[in-house]
PDB file of all heavy atoms in Angstrom:
ATOM      1  N   LYS A   1       0.827  -1.200   0.000  1.00  0.00           N
ATOM      2  CA  LYS A   1       0.000   0.000   0.000  1.00  0.00           C
ATOM      3  C   LYS A   1       0.866   1.257   0.000  1.00  0.00           C
ATOM      4  O   LYS A   1       1.869   1.344   0.698  1.00  0.00           O
ATOM      5  CB  LYS A   1      -0.941   0.011   1.205  1.00  0.00           C
ATOM      6  CG  LYS A   1      -2.045  -1.038   1.146  1.00  0.00           C
ATOM      7  CD  LYS A   1      -2.941  -0.868  -0.067  1.00  0.00           C
ATOM      8  CE  LYS A   1      -4.073  -1.896  -0.055  1.00  0.00           C
ATOM      9  NZ  LYS A   1      -4.896  -1.819  -1.267  1.00  0.00           N
ATOM     10  N   GLY A   2       0.457   2.211  -0.788  1.00  0.00           N
ATOM     11  CA  GLY A   2       1.210   3.446  -0.903  1.00  0.00           C
ATOM     12  C   GLY A   2       2.155   3.461  -2.083  1.00  0.00           C
ATOM     13  O   GLY A   2       2.634   4.518  -2.489  1.00  0.00           O
ATOM     14  N   ARG A   3       2.437   2.284  -2.650  1.00  0.00           N
ATOM     15  CA  ARG A   3       3.313   2.227  -3.816  1.00  0.00           C
ATOM     16  C   ARG A   3       2.535   2.678  -5.051  1.00  0.00           C
ATOM     17  O   ARG A   3       1.405   2.273  -5.265  1.00  0.00           O
ATOM     18  CB  ARG A   3       3.857   0.825  -4.031  1.00  0.00           C
ATOM     19  CG  ARG A   3       4.771   0.344  -2.902  1.00  0.00           C
ATOM     20  CD  ARG A   3       5.519  -0.911  -3.327  1.00  0.00           C
ATOM     21  NE  ARG A   3       6.342  -0.652  -4.490  1.00  0.00           N
ATOM     22  CZ  ARG A   3       7.554  -0.105  -4.439  1.00  0.00           C
ATOM     23  NH1 ARG A   3       8.070   0.250  -3.296  1.00  0.00           N
ATOM     24  NH2 ARG A   3       8.248   0.086  -5.531  1.00  0.00           N
ATOM     25  N   LYS A   4       3.174   3.477  -5.875  1.00  0.00           N
ATOM     26  CA  LYS A   4       2.501   4.010  -7.051  1.00  0.00           C
ATOM     27  C   LYS A   4       2.789   3.210  -8.317  1.00  0.00           C
ATOM     28  O   LYS A   4       2.092   3.379  -9.321  1.00  0.00           O
ATOM     29  CB  LYS A   4       2.905   5.478  -7.254  1.00  0.00           C
ATOM     30  CG  LYS A   4       2.456   6.392  -6.123  1.00  0.00           C
ATOM     31  CD  LYS A   4       2.853   7.828  -6.396  1.00  0.00           C
ATOM     32  CE  LYS A   4       2.374   8.742  -5.274  1.00  0.00           C
ATOM     33  NZ  LYS A   4       2.745  10.163  -5.515  1.00  0.00           N
ATOM     34  N   GLN A   5       3.836   2.374  -8.268  1.00  0.00           N
ATOM     35  CA  GLN A   5       4.229   1.636  -9.466  1.00  0.00           C
ATOM     36  C   GLN A   5       4.534   0.189  -9.124  1.00  0.00           C
ATOM     37  O   GLN A   5       4.882  -0.132  -7.991  1.00  0.00           O
ATOM     38  CB  GLN A   5       5.470   2.280 -10.104  1.00  0.00           C
ATOM     39  CG  GLN A   5       5.282   3.714 -10.533  1.00  0.00           C
ATOM     40  CD  GLN A   5       6.566   4.330 -11.052  1.00  0.00           C
ATOM     41  OE1 GLN A   5       7.634   3.716 -11.009  1.00  0.00           O
ATOM     42  NE2 GLN A   5       6.484   5.558 -11.553  1.00  0.00           N
ATOM     43  N   VAL A   6       4.427  -0.672 -10.137  1.00  0.00           N
ATOM     44  CA  VAL A   6       4.783  -2.077  -9.983  1.00  0.00           C
ATOM     45  C   VAL A   6       5.305  -2.586 -11.323  1.00  0.00           C
ATOM     46  O   VAL A   6       4.873  -2.140 -12.386  1.00  0.00           O
ATOM     47  CB  VAL A   6       3.556  -2.914  -9.519  1.00  0.00           C
ATOM     48  CG1 VAL A   6       2.444  -2.891 -10.553  1.00  0.00           C
ATOM     49  CG2 VAL A   6       3.965  -4.346  -9.189  1.00  0.00           C
ATOM     50  N   GLY A   7       6.273  -3.497 -11.266  1.00  0.00           N
ATOM     51  CA  GLY A   7       6.785  -4.129 -12.483  1.00  0.00           C
ATOM     52  C   GLY A   7       5.997  -5.383 -12.801  1.00  0.00           C
ATOM     53  O   GLY A   7       5.736  -6.201 -11.917  1.00  0.00           O
ATOM     54  N   ILE A   8       5.599  -5.526 -14.042  1.00  0.00           N
ATOM     55  CA  ILE A   8       4.819  -6.685 -14.487  1.00  0.00           C
ATOM     56  C   ILE A   8       5.650  -7.533 -15.436  1.00  0.00           C
ATOM     57  O   ILE A   8       6.185  -7.036 -16.422  1.00  0.00           O
ATOM     58  CB  ILE A   8       3.517  -6.245 -15.191  1.00  0.00           C
ATOM     59  CG1 ILE A   8       2.595  -5.511 -14.209  1.00  0.00           C
ATOM     60  CG2 ILE A   8       2.809  -7.447 -15.807  1.00  0.00           C
ATOM     61  CD1 ILE A   8       2.073  -6.359 -13.075  1.00  0.00           C
ATOM     62  N   ARG A   9       5.749  -8.834 -15.112  1.00  0.00           N
ATOM     63  CA  ARG A   9       6.440  -9.812 -15.963  1.00  0.00           C
ATOM     64  C   ARG A   9       5.457 -10.907 -16.371  1.00  0.00           C
ATOM     65  O   ARG A   9       4.731 -11.433 -15.529  1.00  0.00           O
ATOM     66  CB  ARG A   9       7.591 -10.472 -15.197  1.00  0.00           C
ATOM     67  CG  ARG A   9       8.806  -9.626 -15.049  1.00  0.00           C
ATOM     68  CD  ARG A   9       9.774  -9.790 -16.210  1.00  0.00           C
ATOM     69  NE  ARG A   9      10.626 -10.963 -16.093  1.00  0.00           N
ATOM     70  CZ  ARG A   9      10.844 -11.824 -17.077  1.00  0.00           C
ATOM     71  NH1 ARG A   9      10.233 -11.712 -18.227  1.00  0.00           N
ATOM     72  NH2 ARG A   9      11.682 -12.832 -16.918  1.00  0.00           N
ATOM     73  N   ILE A  10       5.400 -11.228 -17.651  1.00  0.00           N
ATOM     74  CA  ILE A  10       4.722 -12.426 -18.146  1.00  0.00           C
ATOM     75  C   ILE A  10       5.770 -13.141 -18.989  1.00  0.00           C
ATOM     76  O   ILE A  10       5.889 -12.905 -20.189  1.00  0.00           O
ATOM     77  CB  ILE A  10       3.458 -12.102 -18.968  1.00  0.00           C
ATOM     78  CG1 ILE A  10       2.481 -11.254 -18.138  1.00  0.00           C
ATOM     79  CG2 ILE A  10       2.773 -13.401 -19.416  1.00  0.00           C
ATOM     80  CD1 ILE A  10       1.224 -10.836 -18.898  1.00  0.00           C
ATOM     81  N   PRO A  11       6.589 -13.988 -18.372  1.00  0.00           N
ATOM     82  CA  PRO A  11       7.745 -14.558 -19.074  1.00  0.00           C
ATOM     83  C   PRO A  11       7.346 -15.561 -20.153  1.00  0.00           C
ATOM     84  O   PRO A  11       6.294 -16.214 -20.074  1.00  0.00           O
ATOM     85  CB  PRO A  11       8.521 -15.273 -17.947  1.00  0.00           C
ATOM     86  CG  PRO A  11       7.914 -14.802 -16.670  1.00  0.00           C
ATOM     87  CD  PRO A  11       6.509 -14.429 -16.986  1.00  0.00           C
ATOM     88  N   ASP A  12       8.206 -15.693 -21.128  1.00  0.00           N
ATOM     89  CA  ASP A  12       8.057 -16.737 -22.141  1.00  0.00           C
ATOM     90  C   ASP A  12       8.687 -18.021 -21.594  1.00  0.00           C
ATOM     91  O   ASP A  12       9.675 -18.525 -22.125  1.00  0.00           O
ATOM     92  CB  ASP A  12       8.725 -16.306 -23.444  1.00  0.00           C
ATOM     93  CG  ASP A  12       8.454 -17.282 -24.578  1.00  0.00           C
ATOM     94  OD1 ASP A  12       7.532 -18.113 -24.437  1.00  0.00           O
ATOM     95  OD2 ASP A  12       9.172 -17.227 -25.594  1.00  0.00           O
ATOM     96  N   ASN A  13       8.113 -18.488 -20.503  1.00  0.00           N
ATOM     97  CA  ASN A  13       8.604 -19.688 -19.819  1.00  0.00           C
ATOM     98  C   ASN A  13       7.408 -20.375 -19.186  1.00  0.00           C
ATOM     99  O   ASN A  13       6.717 -19.788 -18.338  1.00  0.00           O
ATOM    100  CB  ASN A  13       9.641 -19.313 -18.758  1.00  0.00           C
ATOM    101  CG  ASN A  13      10.168 -20.522 -18.005  1.00  0.00           C
ATOM    102  OD1 ASN A  13       9.508 -21.038 -17.104  1.00  0.00           O
ATOM    103  ND2 ASN A  13      11.363 -20.983 -18.369  1.00  0.00           N
ATOM    104  N   ASP A  14       7.154 -21.602 -19.608  1.00  0.00           N
ATOM    105  CA  ASP A  14       5.960 -22.311 -19.146  1.00  0.00           C
ATOM    106  C   ASP A  14       5.967 -22.545 -17.637  1.00  0.00           C
ATOM    107  O   ASP A  14       4.918 -22.465 -16.994  1.00  0.00           O
ATOM    108  CB  ASP A  14       5.841 -23.656 -19.865  1.00  0.00           C
ATOM    109  CG  ASP A  14       5.539 -23.511 -21.341  1.00  0.00           C
ATOM    110  OD1 ASP A  14       5.093 -22.411 -21.750  1.00  0.00           O
ATOM    111  OD2 ASP A  14       5.749 -24.483 -22.097  1.00  0.00           O
ATOM    112  N   VAL A  15       7.131 -22.842 -17.077  1.00  0.00           N
ATOM    113  CA  VAL A  15       7.198 -23.135 -15.643  1.00  0.00           C
ATOM    114  C   VAL A  15       6.794 -21.902 -14.837  1.00  0.00           C
ATOM    115  O   VAL A  15       5.962 -21.980 -13.926  1.00  0.00           O
ATOM    116  CB  VAL A  15       8.610 -23.601 -15.237  1.00  0.00           C
ATOM    117  CG1 VAL A  15       8.677 -23.825 -13.725  1.00  0.00           C
ATOM    118  CG2 VAL A  15       8.995 -24.881 -15.973  1.00  0.00           C
ATOM    119  N   ALA A  16       7.364 -20.761 -15.168  1.00  0.00           N
ATOM    120  CA  ALA A  16       7.069 -19.533 -14.429  1.00  0.00           C
ATOM    121  C   ALA A  16       5.590 -19.175 -14.521  1.00  0.00           C
ATOM    122  O   ALA A  16       4.940 -18.859 -13.512  1.00  0.00           O
ATOM    123  CB  ALA A  16       7.931 -18.391 -14.961  1.00  0.00           C
ATOM    124  N   ARG A  17       5.042 -19.221 -15.732  1.00  0.00           N
ATOM    125  CA  ARG A  17       3.639 -18.842 -15.895  1.00  0.00           C
ATOM    126  C   ARG A  17       2.705 -19.841 -15.218  1.00  0.00           C
ATOM    127  O   ARG A  17       1.692 -19.462 -14.626  1.00  0.00           O
ATOM    128  CB  ARG A  17       3.285 -18.702 -17.373  1.00  0.00           C
ATOM    129  CG  ARG A  17       3.974 -17.535 -18.065  1.00  0.00           C
ATOM    130  CD  ARG A  17       3.260 -17.142 -19.359  1.00  0.00           C
ATOM    131  NE  ARG A  17       2.913 -18.282 -20.179  1.00  0.00           N
ATOM    132  CZ  ARG A  17       3.732 -18.888 -21.021  1.00  0.00           C
ATOM    133  NH1 ARG A  17       4.988 -18.467 -21.149  1.00  0.00           N
ATOM    134  NH2 ARG A  17       3.334 -19.916 -21.750  1.00  0.00           N
ATOM    135  N   GLU A  18       3.039 -21.123 -15.301  1.00  0.00           N
ATOM    136  CA  GLU A  18       2.186 -22.133 -14.675  1.00  0.00           C
ATOM    137  C   GLU A  18       2.213 -22.044 -13.154  1.00  0.00           C
ATOM    138  O   GLU A  18       1.226 -22.328 -12.489  1.00  0.00           O
ATOM    139  CB  GLU A  18       2.595 -23.533 -15.130  1.00  0.00           C
ATOM    140  CG  GLU A  18       2.077 -23.905 -16.501  1.00  0.00           C
ATOM    141  CD  GLU A  18       0.548 -23.885 -16.535  1.00  0.00           C
ATOM    142  OE1 GLU A  18      -0.079 -24.700 -15.823  1.00  0.00           O
ATOM    143  OE2 GLU A  18      -0.011 -23.050 -17.259  1.00  0.00           O
ATOM    144  N   LEU A  19       3.341 -21.631 -12.587  1.00  0.00           N
ATOM    145  CA  LEU A  19       3.391 -21.415 -11.139  1.00  0.00           C
ATOM    146  C   LEU A  19       2.384 -20.341 -10.734  1.00  0.00           C
ATOM    147  O   LEU A  19       1.637 -20.505  -9.764  1.00  0.00           O
ATOM    148  CB  LEU A  19       4.797 -20.993 -10.711  1.00  0.00           C
ATOM    149  CG  LEU A  19       5.836 -22.093 -10.536  1.00  0.00           C
ATOM    150  CD1 LEU A  19       7.214 -21.474 -10.305  1.00  0.00           C
ATOM    151  CD2 LEU A  19       5.483 -23.010  -9.366  1.00  0.00           C
ATOM    152  N   ALA A  20       2.366 -19.241 -11.476  1.00  0.00           N
ATOM    153  CA  ALA A  20       1.430 -18.155 -11.160  1.00  0.00           C
ATOM    154  C   ALA A  20      -0.012 -18.595 -11.371  1.00  0.00           C
ATOM    155  O   ALA A  20      -0.907 -18.252 -10.588  1.00  0.00           O
ATOM    156  CB  ALA A  20       1.748 -16.924 -12.008  1.00  0.00           C
ATOM    157  N   ARG A  21      -0.249 -19.367 -12.425  1.00  0.00           N
ATOM    158  CA  ARG A  21      -1.619 -19.839 -12.684  1.00  0.00           C
ATOM    159  C   ARG A  21      -2.091 -20.769 -11.577  1.00  0.00           C
ATOM    160  O   ARG A  21      -3.200 -20.614 -11.036  1.00  0.00           O
ATOM    161  CB  ARG A  21      -1.684 -20.581 -14.022  1.00  0.00           C
ATOM    162  CG  ARG A  21      -3.095 -21.092 -14.372  1.00  0.00           C
ATOM    163  CD  ARG A  21      -3.065 -22.173 -15.424  1.00  0.00           C
ATOM    164  NE  ARG A  21      -2.322 -23.351 -14.977  1.00  0.00           N
ATOM    165  CZ  ARG A  21      -2.796 -24.253 -14.125  1.00  0.00           C
ATOM    166  NH1 ARG A  21      -4.005 -24.114 -13.598  1.00  0.00           N
ATOM    167  NH2 ARG A  21      -2.057 -25.298 -13.782  1.00  0.00           N
ATOM    168  N   ALA A  22      -1.246 -21.744 -11.225  1.00  0.00           N
ATOM    169  CA  ALA A  22      -1.641 -22.728 -10.222  1.00  0.00           C
ATOM    170  C   ALA A  22      -1.766 -22.113  -8.835  1.00  0.00           C
ATOM    171  O   ALA A  22      -2.635 -22.502  -8.047  1.00  0.00           O
ATOM    172  CB  ALA A  22      -0.630 -23.880 -10.198  1.00  0.00           C
ATOM    173  N   LEU A  23      -0.910 -21.141  -8.532  1.00  0.00           N
ATOM    174  CA  LEU A  23      -0.992 -20.472  -7.241  1.00  0.00           C
ATOM    175  C   LEU A  23      -2.242 -19.604  -7.156  1.00  0.00           C
ATOM    176  O   LEU A  23      -2.837 -19.444  -6.096  1.00  0.00           O
ATOM    177  CB  LEU A  23       0.254 -19.620  -7.018  1.00  0.00           C
ATOM    178  CG  LEU A  23       0.376 -18.893  -5.682  1.00  0.00           C
ATOM    179  CD1 LEU A  23       0.445 -19.888  -4.523  1.00  0.00           C
ATOM    180  CD2 LEU A  23       1.596 -17.983  -5.668  1.00  0.00           C
ATOM    181  N   GLY A  24      -2.643 -19.054  -8.306  1.00  0.00           N
ATOM    182  CA  GLY A  24      -3.845 -18.234  -8.340  1.00  0.00           C
ATOM    183  C   GLY A  24      -3.604 -16.775  -8.023  1.00  0.00           C
ATOM    184  O   GLY A  24      -4.557 -15.999  -7.903  1.00  0.00           O
ATOM    185  N   THR A  25      -2.346 -16.393  -7.914  1.00  0.00           N
ATOM    186  CA  THR A  25      -1.987 -15.006  -7.646  1.00  0.00           C
ATOM    187  C   THR A  25      -0.596 -14.752  -8.213  1.00  0.00           C
ATOM    188  O   THR A  25       0.189 -15.686  -8.372  1.00  0.00           O
ATOM    189  CB  THR A  25      -2.012 -14.719  -6.124  1.00  0.00           C
ATOM    190  OG1 THR A  25      -1.895 -13.315  -5.900  1.00  0.00           O
ATOM    191  CG2 THR A  25      -0.883 -15.423  -5.403  1.00  0.00           C
ATOM    192  N   PRO A  26      -0.269 -13.512  -8.544  1.00  0.00           N
ATOM    193  CA  PRO A  26       1.081 -13.240  -9.043  1.00  0.00           C
ATOM    194  C   PRO A  26       2.160 -13.634  -8.044  1.00  0.00           C
ATOM    195  O   PRO A  26       1.923 -13.694  -6.837  1.00  0.00           O
ATOM    196  CB  PRO A  26       1.066 -11.717  -9.265  1.00  0.00           C
ATOM    197  CG  PRO A  26      -0.372 -11.390  -9.510  1.00  0.00           C
ATOM    198  CD  PRO A  26      -1.139 -12.315  -8.610  1.00  0.00           C
ATOM    199  N   LEU A  27       3.353 -13.895  -8.578  1.00  0.00           N
ATOM    200  CA  LEU A  27       4.515 -14.207  -7.754  1.00  0.00           C
ATOM    201  C   LEU A  27       5.350 -12.946  -7.579  1.00  0.00           C
ATOM    202  O   LEU A  27       5.760 -12.337  -8.570  1.00  0.00           O
ATOM    203  CB  LEU A  27       5.405 -15.266  -8.421  1.00  0.00           C
ATOM    204  CG  LEU A  27       4.777 -16.518  -9.011  1.00  0.00           C
ATOM    205  CD1 LEU A  27       5.873 -17.377  -9.632  1.00  0.00           C
ATOM    206  CD2 LEU A  27       4.018 -17.286  -7.955  1.00  0.00           C
ATOM    207  N   LEU A  28       5.583 -12.550  -6.346  1.00  0.00           N
ATOM    208  CA  LEU A  28       6.582 -11.515  -6.134  1.00  0.00           C
ATOM    209  C   LEU A  28       7.917 -12.117  -6.544  1.00  0.00           C
ATOM    210  O   LEU A  28       8.240 -13.249  -6.166  1.00  0.00           O
ATOM    211  CB  LEU A  28       6.618 -11.082  -4.669  1.00  0.00           C
ATOM    212  CG  LEU A  28       7.625  -9.978  -4.349  1.00  0.00           C
ATOM    213  CD1 LEU A  28       7.240  -8.682  -5.052  1.00  0.00           C
ATOM    214  CD2 LEU A  28       7.718  -9.763  -2.848  1.00  0.00           C
ATOM    215  N   THR A  29       8.696 -11.408  -7.325  1.00  0.00           N
ATOM    216  CA  THR A  29       9.885 -12.015  -7.914  1.00  0.00           C
ATOM    217  C   THR A  29      11.081 -11.072  -7.865  1.00  0.00           C
ATOM    218  O   THR A  29      10.934  -9.853  -7.947  1.00  0.00           O
ATOM    219  CB  THR A  29       9.601 -12.425  -9.374  1.00  0.00           C
ATOM    220  OG1 THR A  29      10.677 -13.204  -9.892  1.00  0.00           O
ATOM    221  CG2 THR A  29       9.392 -11.209 -10.269  1.00  0.00           C
ATOM    222  N   THR A  30      12.256 -11.660  -7.727  1.00  0.00           N
ATOM    223  CA  THR A  30      13.503 -10.923  -7.810  1.00  0.00           C
ATOM    224  C   THR A  30      14.585 -11.863  -8.320  1.00  0.00           C
ATOM    225  O   THR A  30      14.501 -13.080  -8.111  1.00  0.00           O
ATOM    226  CB  THR A  30      13.913 -10.328  -6.446  1.00  0.00           C
ATOM    227  OG1 THR A  30      15.086  -9.530  -6.605  1.00  0.00           O
ATOM    228  CG2 THR A  30      14.200 -11.401  -5.418  1.00  0.00           C
TER     229      THR A  30
END
């Protein structure tokens, strides 16, 4: 809360995207 910006990634990688899909929420990532 209070943050005005966020970085969005939708990688061209099935594992990464499927993790987010199966979890049901975005993954905080670094």
